[in-house]
Amino acid sequence: MAKAGTGQGLLVSEAGNRQQSRLSVLVPVIVTTAEGTRRGTLEDLSLRGARLIGSTGLGLDQQVVLQWHRFHALGKVRWIEDDVCGVGFFRSLPVRDLLETRELPPHVEAELDRDVVRRTADAFVQGRVKL
């Protein structure tokens, strides 16, 4: 993997090495950043991170809130290649959430309360979320 700024089409943060195996999931995800919200797909998931399809417009080391089904995780973009990126979570995902995500059908949409999403994203972006 190339380091950030090498011009080889792949951007990798210095802390971009995965240390746990991941589950293949293919679940729709909502990605919230300081700049806005977009949709993507979780391709795989572990307790400490995720591989995301649909990362166009995300930046290396950008902080994100990932929301799928009734779960969420706060993290940072660790690497980007084309329309795919890796997100490292600030806190480990609860094992229960990982196991329940594994059981979701690929077409399940996020169950989101827009007000909760907005407040969570605002708090995250403004640094009010303690990590």
Protein backbone atom coordinates (compact mmCIF):
# COMPACT_ATOMS: atom_id res chain seq x y z
CA MET A 1 0.00 0.00 0.00
CA ALA A 2 1.18 3.44 -0.85
CA LYS A 3 1.46 6.14 1.77
CA ALA A 4 -0.62 9.30 1.55
CA GLY A 5 0.55 11.59 -1.19
CA THR A 6 2.62 9.07 -3.17
CA GLY A 7 0.43 9.47 -6.26
CA GLN A 8 -0.05 5.72 -6.69
CA GLY A 9 -3.86 5.87 -6.47
CA LEU A 10 -4.01 4.52 -2.93
CA LEU A 11 -4.00 6.71 0.15
CA VAL A 12 -3.10 5.13 3.49
CA SER A 13 -2.91 6.69 6.91
CA GLU A 14 0.14 5.77 8.99
CA ALA A 15 -2.17 3.81 11.33
CA GLY A 16 -3.89 2.00 8.46
CA ASN A 17 -2.94 -1.59 9.28
CA ARG A 18 -5.87 -3.86 10.12
CA GLN A 19 -5.26 -6.20 13.06
CA GLN A 20 -8.50 -8.24 13.18
CA SER A 21 -10.28 -10.40 10.65
CA ARG A 22 -13.50 -9.02 9.22
CA LEU A 23 -16.92 -10.43 8.40
CA SER A 24 -18.33 -9.98 4.89
CA VAL A 25 -21.69 -8.21 5.24
CA LEU A 26 -22.86 -6.04 2.26
CA VAL A 27 -25.27 -3.85 4.24
CA PRO A 28 -26.43 -0.30 3.32
CA VAL A 29 -24.81 2.41 5.45
CA ILE A 30 -25.30 6.14 5.98
CA VAL A 31 -22.02 8.06 6.28
CA THR A 32 -22.14 11.43 8.07
CA THR A 33 -19.26 13.92 8.03
CA ALA A 34 -18.90 17.62 8.80
CA GLU A 35 -19.66 18.25 5.11
CA GLY A 36 -22.88 16.24 4.92
CA THR A 37 -24.43 12.82 4.57
CA ARG A 38 -24.08 10.16 1.87
CA ARG A 39 -25.08 6.54 1.37
CA GLY A 40 -22.76 3.61 0.82
CA THR A 41 -22.41 -0.10 1.53
CA LEU A 42 -20.55 -1.83 4.35
CA GLU A 43 -18.58 -4.53 2.55
CA ASP A 44 -17.02 -6.00 5.65
CA LEU A 45 -16.96 -5.27 9.35
CA SER A 46 -14.86 -6.04 12.43
CA LEU A 47 -14.89 -4.92 16.04
CA ARG A 48 -12.40 -2.13 15.21
CA GLY A 49 -13.28 -1.08 11.66
CA ALA A 50 -15.07 -1.46 8.36
CA ARG A 51 -14.52 -1.52 4.61
CA LEU A 52 -16.92 0.86 2.88
CA ILE A 53 -18.01 0.97 -0.78
CA GLY A 54 -19.20 4.38 -1.94
CA SER A 55 -16.54 6.55 -0.38
CA THR A 56 -16.30 9.14 -3.17
CA GLY A 57 -15.70 12.53 -1.61
CA LEU A 58 -14.31 11.24 1.68
CA GLY A 59 -10.82 12.33 2.69
CA LEU A 60 -7.95 10.50 4.33
CA ASP A 61 -8.13 10.88 8.15
CA GLN A 62 -11.62 12.41 7.87
CA GLN A 63 -13.87 11.69 10.85
CA VAL A 64 -17.12 9.88 10.04
CA VAL A 65 -20.23 8.51 11.71
CA LEU A 66 -21.37 5.21 10.15
CA GLN A 67 -25.00 4.18 10.68
CA TRP A 68 -26.56 0.92 9.55
CA HIS A 69 -29.76 -0.84 10.59
CA ARG A 70 -29.99 0.34 14.24
CA PHE A 71 -26.24 0.46 14.87
CA HIS A 72 -23.63 3.21 14.61
CA ALA A 73 -19.88 3.70 14.96
CA LEU A 74 -17.60 6.76 15.07
CA GLY A 75 -14.29 6.55 13.29
CA LYS A 76 -11.71 7.92 10.89
CA VAL A 77 -10.96 7.12 7.24
CA ARG A 78 -7.65 5.20 7.30
CA TRP A 79 -7.18 4.41 3.59
CA ILE A 80 -8.88 5.14 0.27
CA GLU A 81 -8.69 3.35 -3.08
CA ASP A 82 -11.04 4.53 -5.83
CA ASP A 83 -14.61 4.25 -4.40
CA VAL A 84 -13.61 2.03 -1.44
CA CYS A 85 -12.18 3.04 1.92
CA GLY A 86 -11.28 1.61 5.30
CA VAL A 87 -12.64 3.19 8.47
CA GLY A 88 -11.00 2.59 11.86
CA PHE A 89 -13.39 2.92 14.79
CA PHE A 90 -12.50 5.06 17.82
CA ARG A 91 -14.11 2.48 20.12
CA SER A 92 -14.62 -1.23 19.58
CA LEU A 93 -17.99 -2.19 18.19
CA PRO A 94 -19.97 -4.25 20.72
CA VAL A 95 -19.75 -7.96 19.85
CA ARG A 96 -23.56 -8.14 19.92
CA ASP A 97 -23.77 -5.47 17.17
CA LEU A 98 -21.24 -7.33 15.03
CA LEU A 99 -23.10 -10.62 15.38
CA GLU A 100 -26.50 -9.05 14.68
CA THR A 101 -25.12 -7.24 11.62
CA ARG A 102 -23.90 -10.58 10.28
CA GLU A 103 -27.52 -11.80 10.30
CA LEU A 104 -28.97 -8.82 8.38
CA PRO A 105 -30.17 -9.39 4.81
CA PRO A 106 -28.20 -7.29 2.27
CA HIS A 107 -31.18 -5.07 1.41
CA VAL A 108 -32.05 -3.97 4.97
CA GLU A 109 -32.17 -0.18 5.29
CA ALA A 110 -30.96 1.80 8.27
CA GLU A 111 -33.61 2.39 10.91
CA LEU A 112 -32.83 5.98 11.76
CA ASP A 113 -34.55 8.65 13.77
CA ARG A 114 -33.50 11.76 11.81
CA ASP A 115 -33.45 13.90 14.95
CA VAL A 116 -31.13 11.49 16.78
CA VAL A 117 -28.86 11.27 13.73
CA ARG A 118 -28.65 15.04 13.43
CA ARG A 119 -27.88 15.55 17.14
CA THR A 120 -25.28 12.75 17.17
CA ALA A 121 -23.56 14.05 14.05
CA ASP A 122 -23.56 17.64 15.34
CA ALA A 123 -22.06 16.58 18.68
CA PHE A 124 -19.42 14.49 16.91
CA VAL A 125 -18.40 17.25 14.52
CA GLN A 126 -18.29 19.88 17.28
CA GLY A 127 -16.10 17.68 19.46
CA ARG A 128 -18.69 17.20 22.20
CA VAL A 129 -18.55 13.41 21.91
CA LYS A 130 -16.00 12.01 24.37
CA LEU A 131 -13.88 9.28 22.79
